[in-house]
Amino acid sequence: MFNSIRRRFVAFVLVYAFAFLGTAQHGFAAETQGANHGPVIFAAASLNTALDAIAAAFAAKTGAAPKISYGSSAVLAKQIKQGGAPADIFISADLKWMDYLDKAKLLRPGTRRNLLGNALVLVEPATAKAELKIAKGFALGAALGDGKLAVCTVSSCPAGVYGKEALEKLGVWKDVEPKLAQADNVRNALMFVARGEAKFGIVYATDAKAEPKVKVVDTFPESSHKPVIYPIAILASSTNPAAAGFAAFMTSQAAVKILTDQGFTVLDR
């Protein structure tokens, strides 16, 4: 009888021990998964191709896979300010929308820096053969005819703002304004041209490089618009420890190669 009681007691202890170990392992796995949770990044749509590749490289190196939401810098910044966007990092395609969040004290102090530069280009479908040289008073309106000029929203989207500024400075804005096809972000403006829905488009050089169905007609002179600068910052609300690591990784050798291959200029190394 004593042996029977002892066997039952030992069995009970073993079952309890295995149950405890299983719970502990589950807790460790959950903790590890939490530690490896990558940052949530809100980024300008023009970064799509390069940033997807950088995120994959970061995940391979750290095990923390970033989640990225692309869009117009204006839309993303407003979502962050309204509090409905739990992002860790913001990368804007201009200084204005980073300033917007900075003034609202939504950036983590000391994390903002100017990261990238880009160029503004005029594109057309890859099969087209326009011969235009961008200069003061160039005949863009005449070249458009009844066609459309694709841009992202000229009142707020950075590429559209740069584009309008350039066209005004070159003296052709009034000729082309009635012919605009405005998209909510620069990659959608690019798609208008790629699908042949617009005769020309104004996008970044990196966008043109990422889309084989378009080609560059010419590059807008740097003097025709403000410098295209992409700032990056960690948001003050972020609690993800991987955010700082990803922000630093953006200037790593691996990331710089991806960015420069795509056509960006890396300003902060």
C-alpha atoms as a PDB file:
ATOM      1  CA  MET A   1       0.000   0.000   0.000  1.00  0.00           C
ATOM      2  CA  PHE A   2       2.849   2.356   0.882  1.00  0.00           C
ATOM      3  CA  ASN A   3       4.480   1.686  -2.493  1.00  0.00           C
ATOM      4  CA  SER A   4       1.202   2.434  -4.262  1.00  0.00           C
ATOM      5  CA  ILE A   5       0.837   5.788  -2.474  1.00  0.00           C
ATOM      6  CA  ARG A   6       4.461   6.648  -3.232  1.00  0.00           C
ATOM      7  CA  ARG A   7       4.009   5.853  -6.934  1.00  0.00           C
ATOM      8  CA  ARG A   8       0.914   8.090  -7.101  1.00  0.00           C
ATOM      9  CA  PHE A   9       2.804  10.885  -5.348  1.00  0.00           C
ATOM     10  CA  VAL A  10       5.768  10.620  -7.715  1.00  0.00           C
ATOM     11  CA  ALA A  11       3.412  10.629 -10.714  1.00  0.00           C
ATOM     12  CA  PHE A  12       1.687  13.749  -9.383  1.00  0.00           C
ATOM     13  CA  VAL A  13       5.015  15.527  -8.884  1.00  0.00           C
ATOM     14  CA  LEU A  14       6.160  14.631 -12.414  1.00  0.00           C
ATOM     15  CA  VAL A  15       2.901  15.837 -13.988  1.00  0.00           C
ATOM     16  CA  TYR A  16       3.125  19.117 -12.050  1.00  0.00           C
ATOM     17  CA  ALA A  17       6.770  19.535 -12.998  1.00  0.00           C
ATOM     18  CA  PHE A  18       6.119  19.012 -16.704  1.00  0.00           C
ATOM     19  CA  ALA A  19       3.161  21.381 -16.554  1.00  0.00           C
ATOM     20  CA  PHE A  20       5.339  24.030 -14.891  1.00  0.00           C
ATOM     21  CA  LEU A  21       8.099  23.592 -17.449  1.00  0.00           C
ATOM     22  CA  GLY A  22       5.598  23.855 -20.271  1.00  0.00           C
ATOM     23  CA  THR A  23       4.210  27.071 -18.830  1.00  0.00           C
ATOM     24  CA  ALA A  24       7.682  28.474 -18.318  1.00  0.00           C
ATOM     25  CA  GLN A  25       8.716  27.607 -21.877  1.00  0.00           C
ATOM     26  CA  HIS A  26       5.554  29.194 -23.240  1.00  0.00           C
ATOM     27  CA  GLY A  27       6.238  32.315 -21.221  1.00  0.00           C
ATOM     28  CA  PHE A  28       9.834  32.452 -22.443  1.00  0.00           C
ATOM     29  CA  ALA A  29       8.694  31.995 -26.046  1.00  0.00           C
ATOM     30  CA  ALA A  30       6.165  34.792 -25.653  1.00  0.00           C
ATOM     31  CA  GLU A  31       8.792  37.021 -24.061  1.00  0.00           C
ATOM     32  CA  THR A  32      11.274  36.232 -26.844  1.00  0.00           C
ATOM     33  CA  GLN A  33       8.639  36.903 -29.472  1.00  0.00           C
ATOM     34  CA  GLY A  34       7.870  40.230 -27.849  1.00  0.00           C
ATOM     35  CA  ALA A  35      11.562  41.106 -27.751  1.00  0.00           C
ATOM     36  CA  ASN A  36      11.870  40.247 -31.449  1.00  0.00           C
ATOM     37  CA  HIS A  37       8.879  42.301 -32.479  1.00  0.00           C
ATOM     38  CA  GLY A  38      10.145  44.710 -35.132  1.00  0.00           C
ATOM     39  CA  PRO A  39       9.302  48.411 -35.183  1.00  0.00           C
ATOM     40  CA  VAL A  40       6.260  49.848 -36.938  1.00  0.00           C
ATOM     41  CA  ILE A  41       7.449  52.302 -39.576  1.00  0.00           C
ATOM     42  CA  PHE A  42       5.425  54.985 -41.341  1.00  0.00           C
ATOM     43  CA  ALA A  43       7.316  55.909 -44.500  1.00  0.00           C
ATOM     44  CA  ALA A  44       6.926  58.003 -47.634  1.00  0.00           C
ATOM     45  CA  ALA A  45       5.610  55.903 -50.534  1.00  0.00           C
ATOM     46  CA  SER A  46       8.710  56.641 -52.618  1.00  0.00           C
ATOM     47  CA  LEU A  47      10.761  54.539 -50.181  1.00  0.00           C
ATOM     48  CA  ASN A  48       8.762  51.384 -50.890  1.00  0.00           C
ATOM     49  CA  THR A  49      11.249  49.420 -52.998  1.00  0.00           C
ATOM     50  CA  ALA A  50      14.370  50.271 -51.014  1.00  0.00           C
ATOM     51  CA  LEU A  51      12.799  50.094 -47.556  1.00  0.00           C
ATOM     52  CA  ASP A  52      11.230  46.685 -48.178  1.00  0.00           C
ATOM     53  CA  ALA A  53      14.697  45.355 -48.978  1.00  0.00           C
ATOM     54  CA  ILE A  54      16.251  47.049 -45.936  1.00  0.00           C
ATOM     55  CA  ALA A  55      13.524  45.688 -43.651  1.00  0.00           C
ATOM     56  CA  ALA A  56      14.189  42.168 -44.946  1.00  0.00           C
ATOM     57  CA  ALA A  57      17.921  42.581 -44.277  1.00  0.00           C
ATOM     58  CA  PHE A  58      17.230  43.900 -40.762  1.00  0.00           C
ATOM     59  CA  ALA A  59      14.894  40.987 -40.015  1.00  0.00           C
ATOM     60  CA  ALA A  60      17.474  38.483 -41.250  1.00  0.00           C
ATOM     61  CA  LYS A  61      20.130  40.053 -39.012  1.00  0.00           C
ATOM     62  CA  THR A  62      18.081  40.582 -35.841  1.00  0.00           C
ATOM     63  CA  GLY A  63      15.020  38.350 -36.091  1.00  0.00           C
ATOM     64  CA  ALA A  64      12.838  41.450 -35.639  1.00  0.00           C
ATOM     65  CA  ALA A  65      10.685  41.968 -38.731  1.00  0.00           C
ATOM     66  CA  PRO A  66       9.572  45.598 -39.199  1.00  0.00           C
ATOM     67  CA  LYS A  67       6.013  46.415 -40.237  1.00  0.00           C
ATOM     68  CA  ILE A  68       5.844  49.247 -42.758  1.00  0.00           C
ATOM     69  CA  SER A  69       2.954  51.465 -43.768  1.00  0.00           C
ATOM     70  CA  TYR A  70       3.563  53.515 -46.926  1.00  0.00           C
ATOM     71  CA  GLY A  71       1.711  56.612 -48.043  1.00  0.00           C
ATOM     72  CA  SER A  72       1.913  60.331 -48.604  1.00  0.00           C
ATOM     73  CA  SER A  73       4.047  61.954 -45.893  1.00  0.00           C
ATOM     74  CA  ALA A  74       1.189  64.387 -45.254  1.00  0.00           C
ATOM     75  CA  VAL A  75      -1.372  61.654 -44.655  1.00  0.00           C
ATOM     76  CA  LEU A  76       0.958  59.633 -42.431  1.00  0.00           C
ATOM     77  CA  ALA A  77       1.969  62.641 -40.339  1.00  0.00           C
ATOM     78  CA  LYS A  78      -1.665  63.580 -39.771  1.00  0.00           C
ATOM     79  CA  GLN A  79      -2.500  60.014 -38.749  1.00  0.00           C
ATOM     80  CA  ILE A  80       0.331  60.078 -36.213  1.00  0.00           C
ATOM     81  CA  LYS A  81      -0.766  63.419 -34.771  1.00  0.00           C
ATOM     82  CA  GLN A  82      -4.380  62.305 -34.487  1.00  0.00           C
ATOM     83  CA  GLY A  83      -3.205  59.450 -32.283  1.00  0.00           C
ATOM     84  CA  GLY A  84      -4.672  56.643 -34.346  1.00  0.00           C
ATOM     85  CA  ALA A  85      -1.358  55.398 -35.665  1.00  0.00           C
ATOM     86  CA  PRO A  86       0.849  53.458 -33.222  1.00  0.00           C
ATOM     87  CA  ALA A  87       4.065  53.937 -35.192  1.00  0.00           C
ATOM     88  CA  ASP A  88       7.623  53.773 -33.823  1.00  0.00           C
ATOM     89  CA  ILE A  89       9.475  55.509 -36.679  1.00  0.00           C
ATOM     90  CA  PHE A  90       8.497  58.142 -39.231  1.00  0.00           C
ATOM     91  CA  ILE A  91      10.395  58.768 -42.477  1.00  0.00           C
ATOM     92  CA  SER A  92       9.092  61.754 -44.436  1.00  0.00           C
ATOM     93  CA  ALA A  93       9.850  62.792 -48.002  1.00  0.00           C
ATOM     94  CA  ASP A  94      10.217  66.413 -46.934  1.00  0.00           C
ATOM     95  CA  LEU A  95      11.057  68.550 -43.914  1.00  0.00           C
ATOM     96  CA  LYS A  96       7.610  70.140 -43.629  1.00  0.00           C
ATOM     97  CA  TRP A  97       5.781  67.088 -42.301  1.00  0.00           C
ATOM     98  CA  MET A  98       8.571  66.170 -39.907  1.00  0.00           C
ATOM     99  CA  ASP A  99       8.465  69.787 -38.641  1.00  0.00           C
ATOM    100  CA  TYR A 100       4.705  69.337 -38.211  1.00  0.00           C
ATOM    101  CA  LEU A 101       5.247  66.463 -35.767  1.00  0.00           C
ATOM    102  CA  ASP A 102       8.261  68.116 -34.166  1.00  0.00           C
ATOM    103  CA  LYS A 103       6.241  71.236 -33.292  1.00  0.00           C
ATOM    104  CA  ALA A 104       3.603  68.979 -31.733  1.00  0.00           C
ATOM    105  CA  LYS A 105       6.372  67.415 -29.585  1.00  0.00           C
ATOM    106  CA  LEU A 106       5.659  63.967 -31.013  1.00  0.00           C
ATOM    107  CA  LEU A 107       9.290  63.119 -31.834  1.00  0.00           C
ATOM    108  CA  ARG A 108      11.747  61.552 -29.392  1.00  0.00           C
ATOM    109  CA  PRO A 109      14.342  64.248 -28.660  1.00  0.00           C
ATOM    110  CA  GLY A 110      17.712  63.694 -30.298  1.00  0.00           C
ATOM    111  CA  THR A 111      16.541  61.095 -32.838  1.00  0.00           C
ATOM    112  CA  ARG A 112      15.649  63.334 -35.779  1.00  0.00           C
ATOM    113  CA  ARG A 113      18.162  63.569 -38.606  1.00  0.00           C
ATOM    114  CA  ASN A 114      18.234  64.223 -42.352  1.00  0.00           C
ATOM    115  CA  LEU A 115      18.762  60.808 -43.890  1.00  0.00           C
ATOM    116  CA  LEU A 116      18.369  60.864 -47.684  1.00  0.00           C
ATOM    117  CA  GLY A 117      18.304  63.029 -50.781  1.00  0.00           C
ATOM    118  CA  ASN A 118      16.553  62.467 -54.108  1.00  0.00           C
ATOM    119  CA  ALA A 119      16.008  64.094 -57.512  1.00  0.00           C
ATOM    120  CA  LEU A 120      12.796  65.128 -59.261  1.00  0.00           C
ATOM    121  CA  VAL A 121      12.215  63.843 -62.784  1.00  0.00           C
ATOM    122  CA  LEU A 122       9.732  64.009 -65.635  1.00  0.00           C
ATOM    123  CA  VAL A 123       8.713  60.541 -66.828  1.00  0.00           C
ATOM    124  CA  GLU A 124       6.684  59.062 -69.663  1.00  0.00           C
ATOM    125  CA  PRO A 125       5.596  55.514 -70.621  1.00  0.00           C
ATOM    126  CA  ALA A 126       8.582  53.387 -71.619  1.00  0.00           C
ATOM    127  CA  THR A 127       7.312  53.065 -75.201  1.00  0.00           C
ATOM    128  CA  ALA A 128       6.882  56.829 -75.733  1.00  0.00           C
ATOM    129  CA  LYS A 129       9.449  59.003 -77.492  1.00  0.00           C
ATOM    130  CA  ALA A 130       9.018  62.568 -76.340  1.00  0.00           C
ATOM    131  CA  GLU A 131      11.941  64.926 -76.818  1.00  0.00           C
ATOM    132  CA  LEU A 132      11.751  67.533 -74.088  1.00  0.00           C
ATOM    133  CA  LYS A 133      14.522  69.378 -72.303  1.00  0.00           C
ATOM    134  CA  ILE A 134      13.475  70.881 -68.989  1.00  0.00           C
ATOM    135  CA  ALA A 135      14.313  74.581 -69.009  1.00  0.00           C
ATOM    136  CA  LYS A 136      12.704  77.957 -68.478  1.00  0.00           C
ATOM    137  CA  GLY A 137       9.434  78.059 -70.457  1.00  0.00           C
ATOM    138  CA  PHE A 138       9.832  74.537 -71.927  1.00  0.00           C
ATOM    139  CA  ALA A 139       6.873  73.336 -73.989  1.00  0.00           C
ATOM    140  CA  LEU A 140       5.377  70.830 -71.547  1.00  0.00           C
ATOM    141  CA  GLY A 141       1.835  72.088 -72.052  1.00  0.00           C
ATOM    142  CA  ALA A 142       2.071  71.699 -75.813  1.00  0.00           C
ATOM    143  CA  ALA A 143       3.650  68.244 -75.472  1.00  0.00           C
ATOM    144  CA  LEU A 144       0.779  67.146 -73.243  1.00  0.00           C
ATOM    145  CA  GLY A 145      -1.862  68.127 -75.794  1.00  0.00           C
ATOM    146  CA  ASP A 146      -5.054  66.486 -74.542  1.00  0.00           C
ATOM    147  CA  GLY A 147      -3.068  64.188 -72.263  1.00  0.00           C
ATOM    148  CA  LYS A 148      -2.589  64.323 -68.499  1.00  0.00           C
ATOM    149  CA  LEU A 149       0.358  65.157 -66.261  1.00  0.00           C
ATOM    150  CA  ALA A 150       0.412  62.776 -63.277  1.00  0.00           C
ATOM    151  CA  VAL A 151       1.507  64.229 -59.946  1.00  0.00           C
ATOM    152  CA  CYS A 152       0.728  63.504 -56.328  1.00  0.00           C
ATOM    153  CA  THR A 153      -1.452  66.057 -54.541  1.00  0.00           C
ATOM    154  CA  VAL A 154       0.213  69.422 -55.152  1.00  0.00           C
ATOM    155  CA  SER A 155      -1.160  71.005 -51.974  1.00  0.00           C
ATOM    156  CA  SER A 156       0.345  68.525 -49.511  1.00  0.00           C
ATOM    157  CA  CYS A 157       2.142  65.497 -50.978  1.00  0.00           C
ATOM    158  CA  PRO A 158       5.899  66.307 -51.040  1.00  0.00           C
ATOM    159  CA  ALA A 159       6.579  65.227 -54.643  1.00  0.00           C
ATOM    160  CA  GLY A 160       3.568  67.246 -55.767  1.00  0.00           C
ATOM    161  CA  VAL A 161       4.706  70.280 -53.778  1.00  0.00           C
ATOM    162  CA  TYR A 162       8.215  70.038 -55.256  1.00  0.00           C
ATOM    163  CA  GLY A 163       6.720  69.548 -58.717  1.00  0.00           C
ATOM    164  CA  LYS A 164       4.432  72.574 -58.511  1.00  0.00           C
ATOM    165  CA  GLU A 165       7.302  74.702 -57.208  1.00  0.00           C
ATOM    166  CA  ALA A 166       9.502  73.633 -60.123  1.00  0.00           C
ATOM    167  CA  LEU A 167       6.818  74.238 -62.744  1.00  0.00           C
ATOM    168  CA  GLU A 168       6.067  77.686 -61.322  1.00  0.00           C
ATOM    169  CA  LYS A 169       9.723  78.635 -61.263  1.00  0.00           C
ATOM    170  CA  LEU A 170      10.145  77.457 -64.841  1.00  0.00           C
ATOM    171  CA  GLY A 171       7.103  79.476 -65.906  1.00  0.00           C
ATOM    172  CA  VAL A 172       4.933  76.606 -67.187  1.00  0.00           C
ATOM    173  CA  TRP A 173       2.555  76.014 -64.276  1.00  0.00           C
ATOM    174  CA  LYS A 174      -0.402  77.861 -65.814  1.00  0.00           C
ATOM    175  CA  ASP A 175      -0.057  75.843 -69.024  1.00  0.00           C
ATOM    176  CA  VAL A 176      -0.226  72.470 -67.279  1.00  0.00           C
ATOM    177  CA  GLU A 177      -2.439  73.081 -64.222  1.00  0.00           C
ATOM    178  CA  PRO A 178      -5.688  72.229 -66.077  1.00  0.00           C
ATOM    179  CA  LYS A 179      -4.114  68.977 -67.264  1.00  0.00           C
ATOM    180  CA  LEU A 180      -3.082  67.558 -63.883  1.00  0.00           C
ATOM    181  CA  ALA A 181      -4.043  64.056 -62.757  1.00  0.00           C
ATOM    182  CA  GLN A 182      -3.441  64.152 -59.006  1.00  0.00           C
ATOM    183  CA  ALA A 183      -2.841  60.968 -57.011  1.00  0.00           C
ATOM    184  CA  ASP A 184      -2.797  60.472 -53.250  1.00  0.00           C
ATOM    185  CA  ASN A 185       0.894  59.501 -53.248  1.00  0.00           C
ATOM    186  CA  VAL A 186       3.824  59.531 -55.629  1.00  0.00           C
ATOM    187  CA  ARG A 187       3.790  55.788 -56.368  1.00  0.00           C
ATOM    188  CA  ASN A 188       0.185  56.043 -57.525  1.00  0.00           C
ATOM    189  CA  ALA A 189       1.149  58.982 -59.760  1.00  0.00           C
ATOM    190  CA  LEU A 190       3.877  56.743 -61.159  1.00  0.00           C
ATOM    191  CA  MET A 191       1.274  54.047 -61.864  1.00  0.00           C
ATOM    192  CA  PHE A 192      -0.837  56.508 -63.895  1.00  0.00           C
ATOM    193  CA  VAL A 193       2.112  56.840 -66.276  1.00  0.00           C
ATOM    194  CA  ALA A 194       3.047  53.138 -66.221  1.00  0.00           C
ATOM    195  CA  ARG A 195      -0.504  52.201 -67.218  1.00  0.00           C
ATOM    196  CA  GLY A 196      -0.630  54.843 -69.948  1.00  0.00           C
ATOM    197  CA  GLU A 197      -3.342  56.839 -68.170  1.00  0.00           C
ATOM    198  CA  ALA A 198      -1.114  59.930 -68.149  1.00  0.00           C
ATOM    199  CA  LYS A 199       1.193  61.154 -70.890  1.00  0.00           C
ATOM    200  CA  PHE A 200       3.823  62.430 -68.445  1.00  0.00           C
ATOM    201  CA  GLY A 201       4.389  62.363 -64.717  1.00  0.00           C
ATOM    202  CA  ILE A 202       6.515  64.099 -62.109  1.00  0.00           C
ATOM    203  CA  VAL A 203       8.055  61.650 -59.641  1.00  0.00           C
ATOM    204  CA  TYR A 204      11.357  61.021 -57.910  1.00  0.00           C
ATOM    205  CA  ALA A 205      14.313  59.524 -59.754  1.00  0.00           C
ATOM    206  CA  THR A 206      14.134  56.508 -57.461  1.00  0.00           C
ATOM    207  CA  ASP A 207      10.497  55.879 -58.407  1.00  0.00           C
ATOM    208  CA  ALA A 208      11.373  55.916 -62.088  1.00  0.00           C
ATOM    209  CA  LYS A 209      14.182  53.434 -61.465  1.00  0.00           C
ATOM    210  CA  ALA A 210      11.817  51.080 -59.659  1.00  0.00           C
ATOM    211  CA  GLU A 211       9.251  50.941 -62.490  1.00  0.00           C
ATOM    212  CA  PRO A 212      10.349  49.405 -65.843  1.00  0.00           C
ATOM    213  CA  LYS A 213       7.183  50.607 -67.599  1.00  0.00           C
ATOM    214  CA  VAL A 214       8.315  54.234 -67.453  1.00  0.00           C
ATOM    215  CA  LYS A 215      11.421  56.111 -68.554  1.00  0.00           C
ATOM    216  CA  VAL A 216      12.940  59.430 -67.603  1.00  0.00           C
ATOM    217  CA  VAL A 217      12.450  62.274 -70.070  1.00  0.00           C
ATOM    218  CA  ASP A 218      14.629  64.703 -68.126  1.00  0.00           C
ATOM    219  CA  THR A 219      15.610  65.727 -64.598  1.00  0.00           C
ATOM    220  CA  PHE A 220      14.385  68.975 -63.072  1.00  0.00           C
ATOM    221  CA  PRO A 221      17.236  71.371 -62.238  1.00  0.00           C
ATOM    222  CA  GLU A 222      18.040  71.431 -58.524  1.00  0.00           C
ATOM    223  CA  SER A 223      17.647  75.203 -58.647  1.00  0.00           C
ATOM    224  CA  SER A 224      13.981  74.875 -59.640  1.00  0.00           C
ATOM    225  CA  HIS A 225      12.786  73.510 -56.292  1.00  0.00           C
ATOM    226  CA  LYS A 226      13.783  73.058 -52.678  1.00  0.00           C
ATOM    227  CA  PRO A 227      16.198  70.174 -52.002  1.00  0.00           C
ATOM    228  CA  VAL A 228      14.428  66.824 -51.715  1.00  0.00           C
ATOM    229  CA  ILE A 229      15.337  65.699 -48.198  1.00  0.00           C
ATOM    230  CA  TYR A 230      14.043  62.686 -46.274  1.00  0.00           C
ATOM    231  CA  PRO A 231      14.284  63.101 -42.486  1.00  0.00           C
ATOM    232  CA  ILE A 232      13.873  60.172 -40.075  1.00  0.00           C
ATOM    233  CA  ALA A 233      12.887  60.207 -36.393  1.00  0.00           C
ATOM    234  CA  ILE A 234      11.709  57.891 -33.632  1.00  0.00           C
ATOM    235  CA  LEU A 235       8.335  58.888 -32.236  1.00  0.00           C
ATOM    236  CA  ALA A 236       8.084  59.954 -28.596  1.00  0.00           C
ATOM    237  CA  SER A 237       5.314  57.407 -27.989  1.00  0.00           C
ATOM    238  CA  SER A 238       7.434  54.444 -29.112  1.00  0.00           C
ATOM    239  CA  THR A 239       8.267  51.810 -26.510  1.00  0.00           C
ATOM    240  CA  ASN A 240       9.765  49.305 -28.940  1.00  0.00           C
ATOM    241  CA  PRO A 241      13.466  48.687 -28.176  1.00  0.00           C
ATOM    242  CA  ALA A 242      14.029  47.678 -31.814  1.00  0.00           C
ATOM    243  CA  ALA A 243      13.187  51.185 -33.068  1.00  0.00           C
ATOM    244  CA  ALA A 244      16.612  52.655 -32.257  1.00  0.00           C
ATOM    245  CA  GLY A 245      18.328  49.648 -33.795  1.00  0.00           C
ATOM    246  CA  PHE A 246      16.427  50.015 -37.054  1.00  0.00           C
ATOM    247  CA  ALA A 247      17.033  53.764 -37.218  1.00  0.00           C
ATOM    248  CA  ALA A 248      20.768  53.087 -36.825  1.00  0.00           C
ATOM    249  CA  PHE A 249      20.599  50.241 -39.375  1.00  0.00           C
ATOM    250  CA  MET A 250      19.405  52.713 -42.015  1.00  0.00           C
ATOM    251  CA  THR A 251      23.005  53.940 -42.333  1.00  0.00           C
ATOM    252  CA  SER A 252      24.631  50.499 -42.147  1.00  0.00           C
ATOM    253  CA  GLN A 253      26.730  49.274 -45.051  1.00  0.00           C
ATOM    254  CA  ALA A 254      23.949  46.908 -46.148  1.00  0.00           C
ATOM    255  CA  ALA A 255      21.282  49.624 -46.095  1.00  0.00           C
ATOM    256  CA  VAL A 256      23.464  52.234 -47.791  1.00  0.00           C
ATOM    257  CA  LYS A 257      24.112  49.843 -50.681  1.00  0.00           C
ATOM    258  CA  ILE A 258      20.395  49.223 -51.147  1.00  0.00           C
ATOM    259  CA  LEU A 259      19.604  52.928 -51.000  1.00  0.00           C
ATOM    260  CA  THR A 260      22.339  54.053 -53.380  1.00  0.00           C
ATOM    261  CA  ASP A 261      21.553  51.228 -55.821  1.00  0.00           C
ATOM    262  CA  GLN A 262      17.984  52.543 -55.879  1.00  0.00           C
ATOM    263  CA  GLY A 263      19.233  56.059 -56.601  1.00  0.00           C
ATOM    264  CA  PHE A 264      19.015  57.780 -53.216  1.00  0.00           C
ATOM    265  CA  THR A 265      21.767  59.985 -51.864  1.00  0.00           C
ATOM    266  CA  VAL A 266      22.622  59.055 -48.270  1.00  0.00           C
ATOM    267  CA  LEU A 267      23.129  62.270 -46.290  1.00  0.00           C
ATOM    268  CA  ASP A 268      23.818  60.821 -42.829  1.00  0.00           C
ATOM    269  CA  ARG A 269      26.346  58.000 -42.628  1.00  0.00           C
END
